[in-house]
PDB file of all heavy atoms in Angstrom:
ATOM      1  N   LEU A   1       0.856  -1.187   0.000  1.00  0.00           N
ATOM      2  CA  LEU A   1       0.000  -0.001   0.000  1.00  0.00           C
ATOM      3  C   LEU A   1       0.890   1.234   0.000  1.00  0.00           C
ATOM      4  O   LEU A   1       1.709   1.414   0.907  1.00  0.00           O
ATOM      5  CB  LEU A   1      -0.894  -0.012   1.244  1.00  0.00           C
ATOM      6  CG  LEU A   1      -1.799   1.201   1.470  1.00  0.00           C
ATOM      7  CD1 LEU A   1      -2.863   1.307   0.374  1.00  0.00           C
ATOM      8  CD2 LEU A   1      -2.460   1.120   2.847  1.00  0.00           C
ATOM      9  N   THR A   2       0.742   2.078  -1.011  1.00  0.00           N
ATOM     10  CA  THR A   2       1.577   3.267  -1.146  1.00  0.00           C
ATOM     11  C   THR A   2       0.712   4.515  -1.191  1.00  0.00           C
ATOM     12  O   THR A   2      -0.233   4.594  -1.984  1.00  0.00           O
ATOM     13  CB  THR A   2       2.447   3.205  -2.419  1.00  0.00           C
ATOM     14  OG1 THR A   2       3.287   2.058  -2.367  1.00  0.00           O
ATOM     15  CG2 THR A   2       3.312   4.453  -2.545  1.00  0.00           C
ATOM     16  N   TYR A   3       1.057   5.490  -0.346  1.00  0.00           N
ATOM     17  CA  TYR A   3       0.407   6.796  -0.360  1.00  0.00           C
ATOM     18  C   TYR A   3       1.331   7.797  -1.036  1.00  0.00           C
ATOM     19  O   TYR A   3       2.457   8.008  -0.586  1.00  0.00           O
ATOM     20  CB  TYR A   3       0.079   7.256   1.061  1.00  0.00           C
ATOM     21  CG  TYR A   3      -1.249   6.740   1.555  1.00  0.00           C
ATOM     22  CD1 TYR A   3      -1.365   5.479   2.113  1.00  0.00           C
ATOM     23  CD2 TYR A   3      -2.406   7.510   1.421  1.00  0.00           C
ATOM     24  CE1 TYR A   3      -2.593   4.985   2.538  1.00  0.00           C
ATOM     25  CE2 TYR A   3      -3.631   7.033   1.846  1.00  0.00           C
ATOM     26  CZ  TYR A   3      -3.720   5.775   2.402  1.00  0.00           C
ATOM     27  OH  TYR A   3      -4.939   5.292   2.814  1.00  0.00           O
ATOM     28  N   HIS A   4       0.840   8.402  -2.123  1.00  0.00           N
ATOM     29  CA  HIS A   4       1.569   9.472  -2.787  1.00  0.00           C
ATOM     30  C   HIS A   4       1.088  10.792  -2.181  1.00  0.00           C
ATOM     31  O   HIS A   4      -0.090  11.154  -2.300  1.00  0.00           O
ATOM     32  CB  HIS A   4       1.323   9.439  -4.295  1.00  0.00           C
ATOM     33  CG  HIS A   4       1.941   8.246  -4.959  1.00  0.00           C
ATOM     34  ND1 HIS A   4       3.127   8.317  -5.665  1.00  0.00           N
ATOM     35  CD2 HIS A   4       1.561   6.943  -4.994  1.00  0.00           C
ATOM     36  CE1 HIS A   4       3.438   7.114  -6.122  1.00  0.00           C
ATOM     37  NE2 HIS A   4       2.501   6.265  -5.725  1.00  0.00           N
ATOM     38  N   VAL A   5       2.004  11.498  -1.517  1.00  0.00           N
ATOM     39  CA  VAL A   5       1.661  12.663  -0.697  1.00  0.00           C
ATOM     40  C   VAL A   5       2.317  13.908  -1.276  1.00  0.00           C
ATOM     41  O   VAL A   5       3.461  13.868  -1.752  1.00  0.00           O
ATOM     42  CB  VAL A   5       2.123  12.435   0.763  1.00  0.00           C
ATOM     43  CG1 VAL A   5       1.842  13.656   1.625  1.00  0.00           C
ATOM     44  CG2 VAL A   5       1.438  11.203   1.341  1.00  0.00           C
ATOM     45  N   ARG A   6       1.604  15.021  -1.229  1.00  0.00           N
ATOM     46  CA  ARG A   6       2.178  16.291  -1.680  1.00  0.00           C
ATOM     47  C   ARG A   6       3.234  16.773  -0.689  1.00  0.00           C
ATOM     48  O   ARG A   6       3.051  16.632   0.532  1.00  0.00           O
ATOM     49  CB  ARG A   6       1.076  17.327  -1.851  1.00  0.00           C
ATOM     50  CG  ARG A   6       0.104  16.976  -2.981  1.00  0.00           C
ATOM     51  CD  ARG A   6      -0.986  18.027  -3.160  1.00  0.00           C
ATOM     52  NE  ARG A   6      -1.833  17.676  -4.303  1.00  0.00           N
ATOM     53  CZ  ARG A   6      -2.907  16.869  -4.241  1.00  0.00           C
ATOM     54  NH1 ARG A   6      -3.260  16.359  -3.062  1.00  0.00           N
ATOM     55  NH2 ARG A   6      -3.600  16.589  -5.314  1.00  0.00           N
ATOM     56  N   PRO A   7       4.319  17.346  -1.192  1.00  0.00           N
ATOM     57  CA  PRO A   7       5.458  17.678  -0.309  1.00  0.00           C
ATOM     58  C   PRO A   7       5.090  18.537   0.889  1.00  0.00           C
ATOM     59  O   PRO A   7       5.555  18.289   2.007  1.00  0.00           O
ATOM     60  CB  PRO A   7       6.426  18.407  -1.248  1.00  0.00           C
ATOM     61  CG  PRO A   7       6.062  17.951  -2.619  1.00  0.00           C
ATOM     62  CD  PRO A   7       4.593  17.678  -2.602  1.00  0.00           C
ATOM     63  N   GLU A   8       4.266  19.539   0.675  1.00  0.00           N
ATOM     64  CA  GLU A   8       3.971  20.475   1.766  1.00  0.00           C
ATOM     65  C   GLU A   8       3.169  19.826   2.902  1.00  0.00           C
ATOM     66  O   GLU A   8       3.076  20.385   4.000  1.00  0.00           O
ATOM     67  CB  GLU A   8       3.219  21.692   1.227  1.00  0.00           C
ATOM     68  CG  GLU A   8       1.876  21.391   0.586  1.00  0.00           C
ATOM     69  CD  GLU A   8       1.952  21.087  -0.901  1.00  0.00           C
ATOM     70  OE1 GLU A   8       3.049  20.699  -1.368  1.00  0.00           O
ATOM     71  OE2 GLU A   8       0.930  21.247  -1.578  1.00  0.00           O
ATOM     72  N   HIS A   9       2.601  18.663   2.680  1.00  0.00           N
ATOM     73  CA  HIS A   9       1.824  17.965   3.710  1.00  0.00           C
ATOM     74  C   HIS A   9       2.567  16.754   4.284  1.00  0.00           C
ATOM     75  O   HIS A   9       2.009  16.035   5.107  1.00  0.00           O
ATOM     76  CB  HIS A   9       0.489  17.492   3.128  1.00  0.00           C
ATOM     77  CG  HIS A   9      -0.434  18.609   2.746  1.00  0.00           C
ATOM     78  ND1 HIS A   9      -1.302  19.203   3.640  1.00  0.00           N
ATOM     79  CD2 HIS A   9      -0.608  19.248   1.561  1.00  0.00           C
ATOM     80  CE1 HIS A   9      -1.980  20.155   3.023  1.00  0.00           C
ATOM     81  NE2 HIS A   9      -1.582  20.211   1.758  1.00  0.00           N
ATOM     82  N   LEU A  10       3.802  16.542   3.868  1.00  0.00           N
ATOM     83  CA  LEU A  10       4.506  15.320   4.252  1.00  0.00           C
ATOM     84  C   LEU A  10       4.703  15.200   5.762  1.00  0.00           C
ATOM     85  O   LEU A  10       4.427  14.147   6.351  1.00  0.00           O
ATOM     86  CB  LEU A  10       5.863  15.256   3.545  1.00  0.00           C
ATOM     87  CG  LEU A  10       6.761  14.080   3.943  1.00  0.00           C
ATOM     88  CD1 LEU A  10       6.123  12.754   3.563  1.00  0.00           C
ATOM     89  CD2 LEU A  10       8.142  14.218   3.307  1.00  0.00           C
ATOM     90  N   VAL A  11       5.178  16.260   6.413  1.00  0.00           N
ATOM     91  CA  VAL A  11       5.499  16.174   7.842  1.00  0.00           C
ATOM     92  C   VAL A  11       4.242  15.870   8.657  1.00  0.00           C
ATOM     93  O   VAL A  11       4.240  14.987   9.529  1.00  0.00           O
ATOM     94  CB  VAL A  11       6.176  17.462   8.327  1.00  0.00           C
ATOM     95  CG1 VAL A  11       6.401  17.418   9.829  1.00  0.00           C
ATOM     96  CG2 VAL A  11       7.509  17.673   7.598  1.00  0.00           C
ATOM     97  N   GLY A  12       3.148  16.566   8.375  1.00  0.00           N
ATOM     98  CA  GLY A  12       1.905  16.308   9.093  1.00  0.00           C
ATOM     99  C   GLY A  12       1.371  14.920   8.833  1.00  0.00           C
ATOM    100  O   GLY A  12       0.833  14.264   9.741  1.00  0.00           O
ATOM    101  N   PHE A  13       1.521  14.446   7.609  1.00  0.00           N
ATOM    102  CA  PHE A  13       1.064  13.101   7.265  1.00  0.00           C
ATOM    103  C   PHE A  13       1.865  12.054   8.038  1.00  0.00           C
ATOM    104  O   PHE A  13       1.301  11.120   8.614  1.00  0.00           O
ATOM    105  CB  PHE A  13       1.226  12.884   5.755  1.00  0.00           C
ATOM    106  CG  PHE A  13       0.621  11.608   5.244  1.00  0.00           C
ATOM    107  CD1 PHE A  13      -0.730  11.535   4.951  1.00  0.00           C
ATOM    108  CD2 PHE A  13       1.390  10.481   5.054  1.00  0.00           C
ATOM    109  CE1 PHE A  13      -1.296  10.369   4.470  1.00  0.00           C
ATOM    110  CE2 PHE A  13       0.844   9.307   4.579  1.00  0.00           C
ATOM    111  CZ  PHE A  13      -0.508   9.259   4.286  1.00  0.00           C
ATOM    112  N   MET A  14       3.176  12.231   8.094  1.00  0.00           N
ATOM    113  CA  MET A  14       4.024  11.294   8.822  1.00  0.00           C
ATOM    114  C   MET A  14       3.711  11.313  10.322  1.00  0.00           C
ATOM    115  O   MET A  14       3.712  10.265  10.978  1.00  0.00           O
ATOM    116  CB  MET A  14       5.500  11.625   8.590  1.00  0.00           C
ATOM    117  CG  MET A  14       6.003  11.313   7.202  1.00  0.00           C
ATOM    118  SD  MET A  14       5.972   9.531   6.884  1.00  0.00           S
ATOM    119  CE  MET A  14       7.157   9.422   5.544  1.00  0.00           C
ATOM    120  N   ARG A  15       3.431  12.477  10.850  1.00  0.00           N
ATOM    121  CA  ARG A  15       3.124  12.568  12.284  1.00  0.00           C
ATOM    122  C   ARG A  15       1.793  11.863  12.592  1.00  0.00           C
ATOM    123  O   ARG A  15       1.658  11.199  13.629  1.00  0.00           O
ATOM    124  CB  ARG A  15       3.089  14.030  12.710  1.00  0.00           C
ATOM    125  CG  ARG A  15       2.959  14.223  14.209  1.00  0.00           C
ATOM    126  CD  ARG A  15       3.142  15.662  14.615  1.00  0.00           C
ATOM    127  NE  ARG A  15       4.556  16.058  14.601  1.00  0.00           N
ATOM    128  CZ  ARG A  15       5.082  16.942  13.775  1.00  0.00           C
ATOM    129  NH1 ARG A  15       4.321  17.531  12.879  1.00  0.00           N
ATOM    130  NH2 ARG A  15       6.365  17.241  13.825  1.00  0.00           N
ATOM    131  N   THR A  16       0.828  11.999  11.697  1.00  0.00           N
ATOM    132  CA  THR A  16      -0.445  11.297  11.885  1.00  0.00           C
ATOM    133  C   THR A  16      -0.244   9.792  11.843  1.00  0.00           C
ATOM    134  O   THR A  16      -0.791   9.058  12.683  1.00  0.00           O
ATOM    135  CB  THR A  16      -1.452  11.729  10.806  1.00  0.00           C
ATOM    136  OG1 THR A  16      -1.715  13.130  10.927  1.00  0.00           O
ATOM    137  CG2 THR A  16      -2.762  10.962  10.942  1.00  0.00           C
ATOM    138  N   LEU A  17       0.535   9.313  10.883  1.00  0.00           N
ATOM    139  CA  LEU A  17       0.793   7.869  10.799  1.00  0.00           C
ATOM    140  C   LEU A  17       1.498   7.359  12.051  1.00  0.00           C
ATOM    141  O   LEU A  17       1.246   6.241  12.503  1.00  0.00           O
ATOM    142  CB  LEU A  17       1.649   7.560   9.574  1.00  0.00           C
ATOM    143  CG  LEU A  17       1.005   7.694   8.193  1.00  0.00           C
ATOM    144  CD1 LEU A  17       1.987   7.263   7.116  1.00  0.00           C
ATOM    145  CD2 LEU A  17      -0.275   6.894   8.089  1.00  0.00           C
ATOM    146  N   ARG A  18       2.364   8.168  12.637  1.00  0.00           N
ATOM    147  CA  ARG A  18       3.104   7.742  13.819  1.00  0.00           C
ATOM    148  C   ARG A  18       2.260   7.778  15.089  1.00  0.00           C
ATOM    149  O   ARG A  18       2.298   6.856  15.912  1.00  0.00           O
ATOM    150  CB  ARG A  18       4.327   8.635  14.008  1.00  0.00           C
ATOM    151  CG  ARG A  18       5.255   8.214  15.142  1.00  0.00           C
ATOM    152  CD  ARG A  18       6.243   9.319  15.505  1.00  0.00           C
ATOM    153  NE  ARG A  18       5.554  10.490  16.062  1.00  0.00           N
ATOM    154  CZ  ARG A  18       6.169  11.617  16.398  1.00  0.00           C
ATOM    155  NH1 ARG A  18       7.469  11.747  16.214  1.00  0.00           N
ATOM    156  NH2 ARG A  18       5.479  12.631  16.893  1.00  0.00           N
ATOM    157  N   ASP A  19       1.477   8.827  15.278  1.00  0.00           N
ATOM    158  CA  ASP A  19       0.865   9.098  16.574  1.00  0.00           C
ATOM    159  C   ASP A  19      -0.548   8.554  16.731  1.00  0.00           C
ATOM    160  O   ASP A  19      -0.972   8.304  17.868  1.00  0.00           O
ATOM    161  CB  ASP A  19       0.844  10.602  16.829  1.00  0.00           C
ATOM    162  CG  ASP A  19       2.246  11.187  16.959  1.00  0.00           C
ATOM    163  OD1 ASP A  19       3.194  10.394  17.142  1.00  0.00           O
ATOM    164  OD2 ASP A  19       2.385  12.418  16.871  1.00  0.00           O
ATOM    165  N   GLU A  20      -1.291   8.409  15.641  1.00  0.00           N
ATOM    166  CA  GLU A  20      -2.676   7.960  15.768  1.00  0.00           C
ATOM    167  C   GLU A  20      -2.713   6.491  16.214  1.00  0.00           C
ATOM    168  O   GLU A  20      -2.124   5.620  15.559  1.00  0.00           O
ATOM    169  CB  GLU A  20      -3.399   8.143  14.424  1.00  0.00           C
ATOM    170  CG  GLU A  20      -4.762   7.518  14.333  1.00  0.00           C
ATOM    171  CD  GLU A  20      -5.671   7.923  15.480  1.00  0.00           C
ATOM    172  OE1 GLU A  20      -5.655   9.115  15.867  1.00  0.00           O
ATOM    173  OE2 GLU A  20      -6.381   7.047  15.988  1.00  0.00           O
ATOM    174  N   PRO A  21      -3.395   6.176  17.334  1.00  0.00           N
ATOM    175  CA  PRO A  21      -3.376   4.806  17.870  1.00  0.00           C
ATOM    176  C   PRO A  21      -3.844   3.732  16.896  1.00  0.00           C
ATOM    177  O   PRO A  21      -3.346   2.606  16.938  1.00  0.00           O
ATOM    178  CB  PRO A  21      -4.307   4.898  19.084  1.00  0.00           C
ATOM    179  CG  PRO A  21      -4.229   6.326  19.518  1.00  0.00           C
ATOM    180  CD  PRO A  21      -4.093   7.118  18.245  1.00  0.00           C
ATOM    181  N   SER A  22      -4.769   4.055  16.012  1.00  0.00           N
ATOM    182  CA  SER A  22      -5.252   3.046  15.068  1.00  0.00           C
ATOM    183  C   SER A  22      -4.296   2.840  13.899  1.00  0.00           C
ATOM    184  O   SER A  22      -4.499   1.934  13.075  1.00  0.00           O
ATOM    185  CB  SER A  22      -6.637   3.431  14.537  1.00  0.00           C
ATOM    186  OG  SER A  22      -6.594   4.708  13.908  1.00  0.00           O
ATOM    187  N   LEU A  23      -3.248   3.655  13.820  1.00  0.00           N
ATOM    188  CA  LEU A  23      -2.232   3.522  12.762  1.00  0.00           C
ATOM    189  C   LEU A  23      -0.899   3.070  13.362  1.00  0.00           C
ATOM    190  O   LEU A  23      -0.399   2.010  13.053  1.00  0.00           O
ATOM    191  CB  LEU A  23      -2.080   4.844  12.016  1.00  0.00           C
ATOM    192  CG  LEU A  23      -3.311   5.299  11.235  1.00  0.00           C
ATOM    193  CD1 LEU A  23      -3.164   6.741  10.773  1.00  0.00           C
ATOM    194  CD2 LEU A  23      -3.573   4.379  10.054  1.00  0.00           C
ATOM    195  N   ARG A  24      -0.292   3.917  14.187  1.00  0.00           N
ATOM    196  CA  ARG A  24       0.932   3.590  14.909  1.00  0.00           C
ATOM    197  C   ARG A  24       2.055   3.036  14.016  1.00  0.00           C
ATOM    198  O   ARG A  24       2.649   2.016  14.315  1.00  0.00           O
ATOM    199  CB  ARG A  24       0.632   2.587  16.024  1.00  0.00           C
ATOM    200  CG  ARG A  24      -0.044   3.197  17.224  1.00  0.00           C
ATOM    201  CD  ARG A  24       0.932   4.057  18.013  1.00  0.00           C
ATOM    202  NE  ARG A  24       0.339   4.465  19.291  1.00  0.00           N
ATOM    203  CZ  ARG A  24       0.308   5.697  19.740  1.00  0.00           C
ATOM    204  NH1 ARG A  24       0.849   6.671  19.014  1.00  0.00           N
ATOM    205  NH2 ARG A  24      -0.228   5.994  20.903  1.00  0.00           N
ATOM    206  N   PHE A  25       2.363   3.759  12.936  1.00  0.00           N
ATOM    207  CA  PHE A  25       3.547   3.408  12.150  1.00  0.00           C
ATOM    208  C   PHE A  25       4.729   4.116  12.799  1.00  0.00           C
ATOM    209  O   PHE A  25       5.147   5.192  12.408  1.00  0.00           O
ATOM    210  CB  PHE A  25       3.349   3.803  10.687  1.00  0.00           C
ATOM    211  CG  PHE A  25       2.359   2.918   9.975  1.00  0.00           C
ATOM    212  CD1 PHE A  25       1.030   3.289   9.876  1.00  0.00           C
ATOM    213  CD2 PHE A  25       2.761   1.703   9.442  1.00  0.00           C
ATOM    214  CE1 PHE A  25       0.118   2.468   9.240  1.00  0.00           C
ATOM    215  CE2 PHE A  25       1.858   0.875   8.809  1.00  0.00           C
ATOM    216  CZ  PHE A  25       0.529   1.248   8.706  1.00  0.00           C
ATOM    217  N   GLU A  26       5.271   3.448  13.831  1.00  0.00           N
ATOM    218  CA  GLU A  26       6.249   4.084  14.693  1.00  0.00           C
ATOM    219  C   GLU A  26       7.630   4.214  14.068  1.00  0.00           C
ATOM    220  O   GLU A  26       8.410   5.076  14.454  1.00  0.00           O
ATOM    221  CB  GLU A  26       6.409   3.297  16.011  1.00  0.00           C
ATOM    222  CG  GLU A  26       5.109   3.086  16.771  1.00  0.00           C
ATOM    223  CD  GLU A  26       4.541   1.698  16.580  1.00  0.00           C
ATOM    224  OE1 GLU A  26       4.826   1.086  15.517  1.00  0.00           O
ATOM    225  OE2 GLU A  26       3.831   1.215  17.468  1.00  0.00           O
ATOM    226  N   MET A  27       7.940   3.367  13.113  1.00  0.00           N
ATOM    227  CA  MET A  27       9.313   3.322  12.602  1.00  0.00           C
ATOM    228  C   MET A  27       9.358   3.635  11.109  1.00  0.00           C
ATOM    229  O   MET A  27       8.661   3.000  10.308  1.00  0.00           O
ATOM    230  CB  MET A  27       9.933   1.941  12.844  1.00  0.00           C
ATOM    231  CG  MET A  27      11.380   1.862  12.412  1.00  0.00           C
ATOM    232  SD  MET A  27      12.146   0.291  12.870  1.00  0.00           S
ATOM    233  CE  MET A  27      13.828   0.592  12.344  1.00  0.00           C
ATOM    234  N   CYS A  28      10.168   4.626  10.768  1.00  0.00           N
ATOM    235  CA  CYS A  28      10.465   4.896   9.361  1.00  0.00           C
ATOM    236  C   CYS A  28      11.802   4.233   9.042  1.00  0.00           C
ATOM    237  O   CYS A  28      12.795   4.458   9.736  1.00  0.00           O
ATOM    238  CB  CYS A  28      10.530   6.392   9.091  1.00  0.00           C
ATOM    239  SG  CYS A  28      10.822   6.795   7.355  1.00  0.00           S
ATOM    240  N   LEU A  29      11.824   3.415   8.010  1.00  0.00           N
ATOM    241  CA  LEU A  29      13.007   2.634   7.673  1.00  0.00           C
ATOM    242  C   LEU A  29      13.951   3.378   6.736  1.00  0.00           C
ATOM    243  O   LEU A  29      14.797   2.764   6.092  1.00  0.00           O
ATOM    244  CB  LEU A  29      12.585   1.305   7.047  1.00  0.00           C
ATOM    245  CG  LEU A  29      11.678   0.446   7.934  1.00  0.00           C
ATOM    246  CD1 LEU A  29      11.155  -0.762   7.180  1.00  0.00           C
ATOM    247  CD2 LEU A  29      12.424  -0.004   9.172  1.00  0.00           C
ATOM    248  N   GLY A  30      13.811   4.698   6.676  1.00  0.00           N
ATOM    249  CA  GLY A  30      14.725   5.480   5.844  1.00  0.00           C
ATOM    250  C   GLY A  30      13.993   6.149   4.704  1.00  0.00           C
ATOM    251  O   GLY A  30      12.762   6.227   4.659  1.00  0.00           O
ATOM    252  N   VAL A  31      14.766   6.668   3.762  1.00  0.00           N
ATOM    253  CA  VAL A  31      14.203   7.250   2.546  1.00  0.00           C
ATOM    254  C   VAL A  31      15.144   6.912   1.393  1.00  0.00           C
ATOM    255  O   VAL A  31      16.368   6.971   1.531  1.00  0.00           O
ATOM    256  CB  VAL A  31      14.011   8.775   2.679  1.00  0.00           C
ATOM    257  CG1 VAL A  31      15.314   9.481   3.040  1.00  0.00           C
ATOM    258  CG2 VAL A  31      13.424   9.367   1.397  1.00  0.00           C
ATOM    259  N   SER A  32      14.554   6.521   0.275  1.00  0.00           N
ATOM    260  CA  SER A  32      15.319   6.198  -0.933  1.00  0.00           C
ATOM    261  C   SER A  32      14.903   7.138  -2.048  1.00  0.00           C
ATOM    262  O   SER A  32      13.744   7.575  -2.105  1.00  0.00           O
ATOM    263  CB  SER A  32      15.069   4.745  -1.362  1.00  0.00           C
ATOM    264  OG  SER A  32      15.444   3.853  -0.338  1.00  0.00           O
ATOM    265  N   GLY A  33      15.831   7.445  -2.928  1.00  0.00           N
ATOM    266  CA  GLY A  33      15.534   8.294  -4.070  1.00  0.00           C
ATOM    267  C   GLY A  33      15.298   7.475  -5.320  1.00  0.00           C
ATOM    268  O   GLY A  33      15.724   6.322  -5.437  1.00  0.00           O
ATOM    269  N   ALA A  34      14.594   8.075  -6.271  1.00  0.00           N
ATOM    270  CA  ALA A  34      14.402   7.491  -7.600  1.00  0.00           C
ATOM    271  C   ALA A  34      14.330   8.640  -8.595  1.00  0.00           C
ATOM    272  O   ALA A  34      13.831   9.723  -8.265  1.00  0.00           O
ATOM    273  CB  ALA A  34      13.135   6.645  -7.665  1.00  0.00           C
ATOM    274  N   HIS A  35      14.827   8.397  -9.789  1.00  0.00           N
ATOM    275  CA  HIS A  35      14.878   9.444 -10.806  1.00  0.00           C
ATOM    276  C   HIS A  35      14.208   8.934 -12.074  1.00  0.00           C
ATOM    277  O   HIS A  35      14.624   7.932 -12.653  1.00  0.00           O
ATOM    278  CB  HIS A  35      16.345   9.826 -11.099  1.00  0.00           C
ATOM    279  CG  HIS A  35      16.480  10.970 -12.048  1.00  0.00           C
ATOM    280  ND1 HIS A  35      17.562  11.125 -12.875  1.00  0.00           N
ATOM    281  CD2 HIS A  35      15.659  12.033 -12.303  1.00  0.00           C
ATOM    282  CE1 HIS A  35      17.414  12.215 -13.597  1.00  0.00           C
ATOM    283  NE2 HIS A  35      16.274  12.778 -13.262  1.00  0.00           N
ATOM    284  N   PHE A  36      13.137   9.618 -12.475  1.00  0.00           N
ATOM    285  CA  PHE A  36      12.431   9.302 -13.716  1.00  0.00           C
ATOM    286  C   PHE A  36      12.476  10.552 -14.593  1.00  0.00           C
ATOM    287  O   PHE A  36      11.554  11.374 -14.558  1.00  0.00           O
ATOM    288  CB  PHE A  36      10.985   8.905 -13.426  1.00  0.00           C
ATOM    289  CG  PHE A  36      10.852   7.691 -12.552  1.00  0.00           C
ATOM    290  CD1 PHE A  36      10.639   7.822 -11.190  1.00  0.00           C
ATOM    291  CD2 PHE A  36      10.942   6.417 -13.091  1.00  0.00           C
ATOM    292  CE1 PHE A  36      10.523   6.704 -10.377  1.00  0.00           C
ATOM    293  CE2 PHE A  36      10.824   5.292 -12.289  1.00  0.00           C
ATOM    294  CZ  PHE A  36      10.616   5.436 -10.927  1.00  0.00           C
ATOM    295  N   PRO A  37      13.546  10.725 -15.380  1.00  0.00           N
ATOM    296  CA  PRO A  37      13.701  11.977 -16.127  1.00  0.00           C
ATOM    297  C   PRO A  37      12.598  12.230 -17.141  1.00  0.00           C
ATOM    298  O   PRO A  37      12.362  13.376 -17.529  1.00  0.00           O
ATOM    299  CB  PRO A  37      15.067  11.800 -16.819  1.00  0.00           C
ATOM    300  CG  PRO A  37      15.379  10.353 -16.742  1.00  0.00           C
ATOM    301  CD  PRO A  37      14.686   9.815 -15.556  1.00  0.00           C
ATOM    302  N   GLU A  38      11.885  11.171 -17.579  1.00  0.00           N
ATOM    303  CA  GLU A  38      10.827  11.355 -18.569  1.00  0.00           C
ATOM    304  C   GLU A  38       9.495  11.766 -17.935  1.00  0.00           C
ATOM    305  O   GLU A  38       8.561  12.138 -18.646  1.00  0.00           O
ATOM    306  CB  GLU A  38      10.633  10.066 -19.372  1.00  0.00           C
ATOM    307  CG  GLU A  38      11.865   9.594 -20.130  1.00  0.00           C
ATOM    308  CD  GLU A  38      12.806   8.751 -19.280  1.00  0.00           C
ATOM    309  OE1 GLU A  38      12.489   8.537 -18.088  1.00  0.00           O
ATOM    310  OE2 GLU A  38      13.846   8.312 -19.797  1.00  0.00           O
ATOM    311  N   GLU A  39       9.374  11.686 -16.618  1.00  0.00           N
ATOM    312  CA  GLU A  39       8.122  12.037 -15.945  1.00  0.00           C
ATOM    313  C   GLU A  39       8.131  13.540 -15.657  1.00  0.00           C
ATOM    314  O   GLU A  39       8.435  13.994 -14.560  1.00  0.00           O
ATOM    315  CB  GLU A  39       7.964  11.229 -14.659  1.00  0.00           C
ATOM    316  CG  GLU A  39       6.540  11.240 -14.129  1.00  0.00           C
ATOM    317  CD  GLU A  39       6.374  10.428 -12.865  1.00  0.00           C
ATOM    318  OE1 GLU A  39       7.375   9.987 -12.278  1.00  0.00           O
ATOM    319  OE2 GLU A  39       5.227  10.260 -12.452  1.00  0.00           O
ATOM    320  N   THR A  40       7.760  14.310 -16.646  1.00  0.00           N
ATOM    321  CA  THR A  40       7.907  15.759 -16.598  1.00  0.00           C
ATOM    322  C   THR A  40       7.172  16.360 -15.396  1.00  0.00           C
ATOM    323  O   THR A  40       5.991  16.091 -15.176  1.00  0.00           O
ATOM    324  CB  THR A  40       7.361  16.397 -17.890  1.00  0.00           C
ATOM    325  OG1 THR A  40       8.032  15.802 -19.013  1.00  0.00           O
ATOM    326  CG2 THR A  40       7.606  17.897 -17.902  1.00  0.00           C
ATOM    327  N   GLY A  41       7.906  17.165 -14.621  1.00  0.00           N
ATOM    328  CA  GLY A  41       7.344  17.810 -13.452  1.00  0.00           C
ATOM    329  C   GLY A  41       7.347  16.957 -12.204  1.00  0.00           C
ATOM    330  O   GLY A  41       7.024  17.449 -11.116  1.00  0.00           O
ATOM    331  N   ARG A  42       7.724  15.671 -12.352  1.00  0.00           N
ATOM    332  CA  ARG A  42       7.770  14.742 -11.216  1.00  0.00           C
ATOM    333  C   ARG A  42       9.005  13.850 -11.351  1.00  0.00           C
ATOM    334  O   ARG A  42       8.954  12.655 -11.089  1.00  0.00           O
ATOM    335  CB  ARG A  42       6.509  13.873 -11.177  1.00  0.00           C
ATOM    336  CG  ARG A  42       5.227  14.629 -11.003  1.00  0.00           C
ATOM    337  CD  ARG A  42       4.016  13.721 -11.214  1.00  0.00           C
ATOM    338  NE  ARG A  42       4.083  12.513 -10.416  1.00  0.00           N
ATOM    339  CZ  ARG A  42       3.662  12.433  -9.152  1.00  0.00           C
ATOM    340  NH1 ARG A  42       3.138  13.496  -8.564  1.00  0.00           N
ATOM    341  NH2 ARG A  42       3.745  11.305  -8.493  1.00  0.00           N
ATOM    342  N   GLU A  43      10.111  14.444 -11.732  1.00  0.00           N
ATOM    343  CA  GLU A  43      11.284  13.641 -12.075  1.00  0.00           C
ATOM    344  C   GLU A  43      11.923  12.945 -10.879  1.00  0.00           C
ATOM    345  O   GLU A  43      12.481  11.853 -11.007  1.00  0.00           O
ATOM    346  CB  GLU A  43      12.336  14.516 -12.764  1.00  0.00           C
ATOM    347  CG  GLU A  43      11.928  15.039 -14.145  1.00  0.00           C
ATOM    348  CD  GLU A  43      11.199  16.369 -14.068  1.00  0.00           C
ATOM    349  OE1 GLU A  43      10.881  16.821 -12.945  1.00  0.00           O
ATOM    350  OE2 GLU A  43      10.945  16.963 -15.133  1.00  0.00           O
ATOM    351  N   LEU A  44      11.891  13.565  -9.708  1.00  0.00           N
ATOM    352  CA  LEU A  44      12.568  13.019  -8.536  1.00  0.00           C
ATOM    353  C   LEU A  44      11.546  12.532  -7.510  1.00  0.00           C
ATOM    354  O   LEU A  44      10.614  13.258  -7.150  1.00  0.00           O
ATOM    355  CB  LEU A  44      13.480  14.079  -7.907  1.00  0.00           C
ATOM    356  CG  LEU A  44      14.694  14.471  -8.752  1.00  0.00           C
ATOM    357  CD1 LEU A  44      15.356  15.719  -8.190  1.00  0.00           C
ATOM    358  CD2 LEU A  44      15.695  13.324  -8.816  1.00  0.00           C
ATOM    359  N   HIS A  45      11.748  11.292  -7.042  1.00  0.00           N
ATOM    360  CA  HIS A  45      10.843  10.699  -6.069  1.00  0.00           C
ATOM    361  C   HIS A  45      11.613  10.351  -4.802  1.00  0.00           C
ATOM    362  O   HIS A  45      12.747   9.874  -4.862  1.00  0.00           O
ATOM    363  CB  HIS A  45      10.218   9.411  -6.624  1.00  0.00           C
ATOM    364  CG  HIS A  45       9.270   9.623  -7.758  1.00  0.00           C
ATOM    365  ND1 HIS A  45       8.036   9.012  -7.820  1.00  0.00           N
ATOM    366  CD2 HIS A  45       9.366  10.380  -8.884  1.00  0.00           C
ATOM    367  CE1 HIS A  45       7.426   9.373  -8.926  1.00  0.00           C
ATOM    368  NE2 HIS A  45       8.220  10.203  -9.595  1.00  0.00           N
ATOM    369  N   ALA A  46      10.979  10.571  -3.658  1.00  0.00           N
ATOM    370  CA  ALA A  46      11.497  10.107  -2.368  1.00  0.00           C
ATOM    371  C   ALA A  46      10.514   9.084  -1.814  1.00  0.00           C
ATOM    372  O   ALA A  46       9.306   9.346  -1.757  1.00  0.00           O
ATOM    373  CB  ALA A  46      11.649  11.273  -1.398  1.00  0.00           C
TER     374      ALA A  46
END
């Protein structure tokens, strides 16, 4: 299950996933980059 989130809402989204008892995604396993140069306007993914 993947949520594609707008950058300006990322921190609040992550805090909700961590703190809400029915979610409790307590651990982030890092961040990886990806580069899709042909995806105009969305070339870099985290």
